[in-house]
Amino acid sequence: DAVSARRRIIRTALCCMLAITAGAALLAYPLANAVVYLLFGSFEHAELFLLSFLGLLSTALFEIECGYSVITKKVWSYFWLSLAKSLILIALSVYCVVCLALGVRGIFLANALAFALLALVRGIMILRAVGFGFSPALSKQMLIYGLPLVPSAVANASLSVIDRYFLN
């Protein structure tokens, strides 16, 4: 049936994205020093790189989850998610920068925390709606199709995060 096939696709896609995000997050920490040293010639900004990369991962996961609202034609759900995103991001940014006096680090931390929280909540909501499950055959097809698109997507998304550093 078409509805169960759609749910299987959504479940598998979400599980794949969670696994890829978790794997990338685990690799981010050990690679942060090496990447920062190659880019800047010192280890000074490794923490900022790590926070921006984690923010990028959680942002990507959340945006994919927001796509669920679009494909299921739940406009109000998308509206409330967007509003929550804005309010949480503003609140955490002000808290980290002003209250905790973290400066630029606070912006990156707020971004990573806000999108991680939103991705977690939205992921749970989606899995409650479609159930939890995974299709290895379907995930293989998805990865064969989607992996070649990842480098350009990461480059485009990173531009929106990296420019904050250079503006300061």
Protein backbone atom coordinates (compact mmCIF):
# COMPACT_ATOMS: atom_id res chain seq x y z
CA ASP A 1 0.00 0.00 0.00
CA ALA A 2 1.21 3.52 -0.83
CA VAL A 3 0.93 4.93 2.70
CA SER A 4 3.02 2.18 4.27
CA ALA A 5 5.60 2.50 1.46
CA ARG A 6 5.87 6.25 2.14
CA ARG A 7 6.27 5.62 5.85
CA ARG A 8 8.99 3.03 5.19
CA ILE A 9 10.84 5.55 3.00
CA ILE A 10 10.56 8.28 5.64
CA ARG A 11 11.65 5.94 8.46
CA THR A 12 14.62 4.69 6.49
CA ALA A 13 15.67 8.16 5.35
CA LEU A 14 15.49 9.51 8.89
CA CYS A 15 17.44 6.56 10.31
CA CYS A 16 20.10 6.97 7.61
CA MET A 17 20.39 10.67 8.30
CA LEU A 18 20.64 10.07 12.05
CA ALA A 19 23.38 7.48 11.51
CA ILE A 20 25.31 9.74 9.12
CA THR A 21 24.97 12.71 11.47
CA ALA A 22 26.12 10.68 14.48
CA GLY A 23 29.08 9.29 12.53
CA ALA A 24 30.11 12.72 11.29
CA ALA A 25 29.77 14.16 14.80
CA LEU A 26 32.04 11.43 16.19
CA LEU A 27 34.61 12.13 13.48
CA ALA A 28 34.43 15.90 13.96
CA TYR A 29 36.25 15.98 17.25
CA PRO A 30 39.39 14.10 16.23
CA LEU A 31 39.54 15.86 12.88
CA ALA A 32 38.97 19.38 14.21
CA ASN A 33 42.60 20.05 15.11
CA ALA A 34 43.91 18.73 11.80
CA VAL A 35 41.45 20.70 9.68
CA VAL A 36 41.94 23.93 11.61
CA TYR A 37 45.72 23.59 11.43
CA LEU A 38 45.55 23.04 7.67
CA LEU A 39 43.26 26.04 7.20
CA PHE A 40 44.76 28.53 9.66
CA GLY A 41 48.22 27.22 10.54
CA SER A 42 47.43 26.94 14.26
CA PHE A 43 45.14 25.04 16.62
CA GLU A 44 43.64 28.19 18.09
CA HIS A 45 40.21 27.89 16.48
CA ALA A 46 39.63 24.13 16.78
CA GLU A 47 36.78 24.56 19.26
CA LEU A 48 35.01 27.04 16.98
CA PHE A 49 35.42 24.66 14.07
CA LEU A 50 34.00 21.81 16.11
CA LEU A 51 31.01 23.86 17.28
CA SER A 52 30.31 25.15 13.78
CA PHE A 53 30.52 21.65 12.32
CA LEU A 54 28.17 20.25 14.98
CA GLY A 55 25.83 23.17 14.32
CA LEU A 56 25.97 22.45 10.62
CA LEU A 57 25.11 18.78 11.18
CA SER A 58 22.19 19.52 13.48
CA THR A 59 20.92 22.26 11.15
CA ALA A 60 20.98 19.87 8.20
CA LEU A 61 19.13 17.21 10.17
CA PHE A 62 16.49 19.70 11.32
CA GLU A 63 15.96 21.10 7.82
CA ILE A 64 15.47 17.60 6.44
CA GLU A 65 12.96 16.94 9.21
CA CYS A 66 11.17 20.19 8.32
CA GLY A 67 10.85 18.80 4.82
CA TYR A 68 8.54 16.19 6.31
CA SER A 69 6.05 18.96 7.09
CA VAL A 70 6.28 20.16 3.51
CA ILE A 71 5.80 16.77 1.85
CA THR A 72 2.92 15.90 4.18
CA LYS A 73 1.38 19.32 3.42
CA LYS A 74 1.27 20.37 7.06
CA VAL A 75 1.76 24.09 6.57
CA TRP A 76 0.97 25.04 10.15
CA SER A 77 3.43 22.49 11.45
CA TYR A 78 6.12 24.07 9.28
CA PHE A 79 5.11 27.54 10.47
CA TRP A 80 5.36 26.55 14.16
CA LEU A 81 8.70 24.82 13.57
CA SER A 82 10.08 27.93 11.90
CA LEU A 83 8.80 30.15 14.69
CA ALA A 84 10.23 27.83 17.35
CA LYS A 85 13.54 27.78 15.49
CA SER A 86 13.74 31.58 15.48
CA LEU A 87 12.74 32.01 19.12
CA ILE A 88 15.02 29.28 20.46
CA LEU A 89 17.96 30.47 18.38
CA ILE A 90 17.53 34.08 19.50
CA ALA A 91 17.08 33.10 23.16
CA LEU A 92 20.10 30.80 23.21
CA SER A 93 22.25 33.30 21.31
CA VAL A 94 21.44 36.10 23.76
CA TYR A 95 21.98 33.79 26.73
CA CYS A 96 25.33 32.45 25.47
CA VAL A 97 26.69 35.78 24.26
CA VAL A 98 25.33 38.17 26.90
CA CYS A 99 24.68 36.11 30.04
CA LEU A 100 27.56 33.66 29.71
CA ALA A 101 29.82 36.24 27.99
CA LEU A 102 31.07 33.66 25.47
CA GLY A 103 31.38 36.08 22.55
CA VAL A 104 31.76 34.45 19.14
CA ARG A 105 31.99 31.03 20.77
CA GLY A 106 28.50 31.67 22.20
CA ILE A 107 27.03 32.20 18.75
CA PHE A 108 28.38 28.88 17.51
CA LEU A 109 27.33 27.10 20.70
CA ALA A 110 23.82 28.57 20.57
CA ASN A 111 23.44 27.49 16.96
CA ALA A 112 24.59 23.93 17.68
CA LEU A 113 22.41 23.59 20.78
CA ALA A 114 19.29 25.13 19.24
CA PHE A 115 19.32 22.98 16.14
CA ALA A 116 20.28 19.83 18.05
CA LEU A 117 17.31 20.36 20.37
CA LEU A 118 14.96 21.10 17.49
CA ALA A 119 16.21 18.12 15.46
CA LEU A 120 15.78 15.80 18.43
CA VAL A 121 12.22 16.94 19.17
CA ARG A 122 11.17 16.92 15.50
CA GLY A 123 12.81 13.53 14.93
CA ILE A 124 10.85 12.04 17.83
CA MET A 125 7.63 13.57 16.46
CA ILE A 126 8.25 12.08 13.02
CA LEU A 127 9.12 8.65 14.36
CA ARG A 128 5.97 8.66 16.49
CA ALA A 129 3.95 9.42 13.35
CA VAL A 130 5.56 6.91 10.98
CA GLY A 131 6.97 4.33 13.39
CA PHE A 132 10.53 3.20 13.82
CA GLY A 133 12.05 0.94 11.21
CA PHE A 134 14.82 0.56 8.74
CA SER A 135 15.11 -1.01 5.28
CA PRO A 136 18.70 -1.92 4.34
CA ALA A 137 17.83 -2.34 0.65
CA LEU A 138 16.08 1.02 0.51
CA SER A 139 18.89 2.75 2.41
CA LYS A 140 21.41 1.40 -0.09
CA GLN A 141 19.40 2.90 -2.96
CA MET A 142 19.12 6.22 -1.13
CA LEU A 143 22.85 6.37 -0.39
CA ILE A 144 23.82 5.50 -3.96
CA TYR A 145 21.64 8.33 -5.20
CA GLY A 146 22.37 10.89 -2.47
CA LEU A 147 26.03 10.54 -1.52
CA PRO A 148 27.36 12.29 -4.63
CA LEU A 149 25.25 15.34 -3.65
CA VAL A 150 26.70 15.59 -0.12
CA PRO A 151 29.92 17.57 -0.80
CA SER A 152 28.12 20.43 -2.54
CA ALA A 153 25.37 20.49 0.09
CA VAL A 154 27.93 20.65 2.91
CA ALA A 155 29.85 23.41 1.14
CA ASN A 156 26.70 25.48 0.62
CA ALA A 157 25.50 25.02 4.18
CA SER A 158 28.91 25.76 5.68
CA LEU A 159 29.00 29.14 3.93
CA SER A 160 26.08 30.30 6.09
CA VAL A 161 27.96 29.34 9.27
CA ILE A 162 31.56 30.24 8.41
CA ASP A 163 30.82 33.82 7.39
CA ARG A 164 29.97 34.64 11.01
CA TYR A 165 33.53 33.93 12.02
CA PHE A 166 35.03 36.10 9.33
CA LEU A 167 32.65 38.97 10.03
CA ASN A 168 34.02 39.18 13.56
